[in-house]
C-alpha cells in the first residue's frame, strides 16, 4: 500500500476500490486490445497460460498498438488533463480511484520497493492509458489513446 499512502500524503484524493481490478483489466483489454483476434492475443502472451507472461501491456511491447514510450509517454501523461482516474494492476485485484487527478504525475506512480509493477492508469472513460511495466528501463512506460 505504499503507493496509496504516497498519493494520499500528496493530498491526492484516492480511494480503494475492492474487487475492481479484474473488471478494469477486462475493460482495458476490450478497449485497447479489441483490434486483436484471440489467436493474436495468444501469440503476444496477453494471457497467463503457463505461469509466465500474461501482460496486457504486450499490445505495446509487441507493437500491435500505437503508443508513446519512455520519456515521451511520461510527458504525455503529465500533460494530460486528468480528472477522475482509475489505477489497477496486472497481478493484483487492488484498485484505486483518484477523484481529482489533476496533480497526478508519472513520477508519483513509481514506488521505491517496486510494490506495484505492471500498473495501469486510465481516465474514467478509458479514453487513454498510461502503463508502467516491471521491465522499467527496458520496456515502457507506455501512453496510448483509444
Protein backbone atom coordinates (compact mmCIF):
# COMPACT_ATOMS: atom_id res chain seq x y z
CA UNK A 1 0.00 0.00 0.00
CA UNK A 2 3.00 2.28 -0.35
CA UNK A 3 1.51 3.86 -3.49
CA UNK A 4 -1.83 4.54 -1.82
CA UNK A 5 -0.17 6.29 1.12
CA UNK A 6 2.29 8.13 -1.12
CA UNK A 7 -0.56 9.65 -3.14
CA UNK A 8 -2.65 10.40 -0.04
CA UNK A 9 0.32 12.25 1.52
CA UNK A 10 0.38 14.45 -1.61
CA UNK A 11 -3.25 15.36 -0.87
CA UNK A 12 -4.46 13.40 -3.88
CA UNK A 13 -7.93 12.08 -3.06
CA UNK A 14 -7.61 8.34 -3.56
CA UNK A 15 -9.96 5.56 -2.50
CA UNK A 16 -9.58 1.80 -2.57
CA UNK A 17 -11.93 0.03 -4.96
CA UNK A 18 -12.24 -3.52 -3.69
CA UNK A 19 -12.85 -6.10 -6.39
CA UNK A 20 -12.45 -3.71 -9.32
CA UNK A 21 -9.02 -4.90 -10.54
CA UNK A 22 -10.35 -7.78 -12.65
CA UNK A 23 -13.22 -5.67 -14.01
CA UNK A 24 -10.94 -2.84 -15.08
CA UNK A 25 -8.37 -5.23 -16.64
CA UNK A 26 -11.18 -6.74 -18.71
CA UNK A 27 -12.44 -3.32 -19.75
CA UNK A 28 -8.88 -2.23 -20.61
CA UNK A 29 -8.50 -5.26 -22.87
CA UNK A 30 -11.85 -4.57 -24.54
CA UNK A 31 -10.76 -1.03 -25.36
CA UNK A 32 -7.01 -1.26 -26.05
CA UNK A 33 -6.75 -4.81 -27.47
CA UNK A 34 -10.07 -5.13 -29.30
CA UNK A 35 -8.32 -4.96 -32.67
CA UNK A 36 -6.60 -8.31 -31.99
CA UNK A 37 -8.03 -11.75 -32.66
CA UNK A 38 -7.94 -14.42 -29.96
CA UNK A 39 -5.00 -16.05 -31.75
CA UNK A 40 -3.10 -12.77 -31.95
CA UNK A 41 -3.67 -12.24 -28.22
CA UNK A 42 -2.23 -15.70 -27.53
CA UNK A 43 0.75 -15.01 -29.80
CA UNK A 44 1.73 -11.89 -27.86
CA UNK A 45 1.19 -13.59 -24.49
CA UNK A 46 -1.65 -11.35 -23.45
CA UNK A 47 -2.85 -14.10 -21.12
CA UNK A 48 -1.09 -16.10 -18.44
CA UNK A 49 -1.48 -19.71 -19.60
CA UNK A 50 1.60 -21.36 -18.11
CA UNK A 51 2.66 -19.27 -15.13
CA UNK A 52 4.73 -16.92 -17.26
CA UNK A 53 3.94 -13.95 -19.47
CA UNK A 54 0.38 -12.72 -19.44
CA UNK A 55 0.60 -8.94 -19.61
CA UNK A 56 -1.95 -6.61 -21.14
CA UNK A 57 0.83 -4.15 -21.95
CA UNK A 58 2.17 -6.64 -24.50
CA UNK A 59 -0.12 -4.89 -27.00
CA UNK A 60 2.51 -2.14 -26.85
CA UNK A 61 5.73 -4.13 -26.47
CA UNK A 62 4.81 -6.33 -29.45
CA UNK A 63 3.94 -3.14 -31.36
CA UNK A 64 0.37 -4.16 -32.17
CA UNK A 65 -0.97 -0.79 -31.00
CA UNK A 66 0.40 2.72 -31.43
CA UNK A 67 1.77 4.34 -28.32
CA UNK A 68 4.34 6.70 -26.94
CA UNK A 69 7.16 5.15 -24.94
CA UNK A 70 9.63 6.04 -22.22
CA UNK A 71 10.08 9.78 -21.56
CA UNK A 72 7.57 10.72 -24.27
CA UNK A 73 4.94 8.55 -22.55
CA UNK A 74 5.66 10.12 -19.17
CA UNK A 75 5.50 13.63 -20.64
CA UNK A 76 2.20 12.87 -22.40
CA UNK A 77 0.73 11.53 -19.16
CA UNK A 78 1.96 14.56 -17.21
CA UNK A 79 0.43 16.95 -19.79
CA UNK A 80 -2.89 15.10 -19.98
CA UNK A 81 -5.80 16.97 -18.42
CA UNK A 82 -6.75 14.47 -15.77
CA UNK A 83 -9.98 14.41 -13.84
CA UNK A 84 -11.14 11.09 -12.44
CA UNK A 85 -8.68 8.22 -12.98
CA UNK A 86 -8.53 4.54 -12.15
CA UNK A 87 -5.32 2.78 -11.15
CA UNK A 88 -5.12 -1.00 -11.29
CA UNK A 89 -2.51 -3.71 -11.61
CA UNK A 90 -1.73 -6.76 -13.72
CA UNK A 91 -1.30 -9.26 -10.90
CA UNK A 92 -3.38 -7.81 -8.10
CA UNK A 93 -7.04 -7.10 -7.62
CA UNK A 94 -6.12 -3.95 -5.71
CA UNK A 95 -7.54 -0.94 -7.48
CA UNK A 96 -7.79 2.76 -6.71
CA UNK A 97 -9.96 5.62 -7.83
CA UNK A 98 -8.49 9.11 -7.94
CA UNK A 99 -11.29 11.69 -7.89
CA UNK A 100 -9.24 14.71 -8.93
CA UNK A 101 -6.12 13.54 -10.71
CA UNK A 102 -5.09 16.97 -11.99
CA UNK A 103 -1.93 16.90 -9.88
CA UNK A 104 -1.03 13.27 -10.61
CA UNK A 105 2.33 12.87 -12.39
CA UNK A 106 4.21 9.86 -13.72
CA UNK A 107 6.86 10.17 -11.03
CA UNK A 108 4.15 9.77 -8.36
CA UNK A 109 3.41 6.25 -9.59
CA UNK A 110 6.89 4.83 -9.12
CA UNK A 111 7.39 3.21 -5.73
CA UNK A 112 10.70 2.63 -4.03
CA UNK A 113 10.18 -1.08 -3.43
CA UNK A 114 8.57 -1.85 -6.79
CA UNK A 115 5.37 -2.68 -4.89
CA UNK A 116 3.17 -2.21 -7.92
CA UNK A 117 4.93 -3.05 -11.11
CA UNK A 118 2.70 -3.51 -14.14
CA UNK A 119 0.50 -0.58 -13.16
CA UNK A 120 -2.26 0.76 -15.42
CA UNK A 121 -3.84 4.21 -15.23
CA UNK A 122 -6.91 5.14 -17.27
CA UNK A 123 -9.32 8.01 -17.25
CA UNK A 124 -12.82 7.06 -16.13
CA UNK A 125 -13.97 6.71 -19.77
CA UNK A 126 -10.94 4.61 -20.83
CA UNK A 127 -10.03 7.20 -23.46
CA UNK A 128 -6.32 6.95 -22.67
CA UNK A 129 -3.97 4.77 -20.67
CA UNK A 130 -0.56 5.10 -19.03
CA UNK A 131 1.27 1.89 -18.16
CA UNK A 132 4.36 1.27 -16.03
CA UNK A 133 5.86 -2.19 -16.52
CA UNK A 134 8.07 -4.33 -14.32
CA UNK A 135 10.60 -4.00 -17.16
CA UNK A 136 11.12 -0.30 -16.43
CA UNK A 137 14.23 0.93 -18.20
CA UNK A 138 13.79 -1.67 -20.93
CA UNK A 139 10.07 -1.79 -21.85
CA UNK A 140 7.73 1.07 -21.14
CA UNK A 141 6.32 3.11 -19.74
CA UNK A 142 3.64 3.47 -22.40
CA UNK A 143 0.95 6.04 -23.15
CA UNK A 144 -1.82 5.48 -25.68
CA UNK A 145 -5.19 6.85 -26.64
CA UNK A 146 -8.30 4.89 -27.56
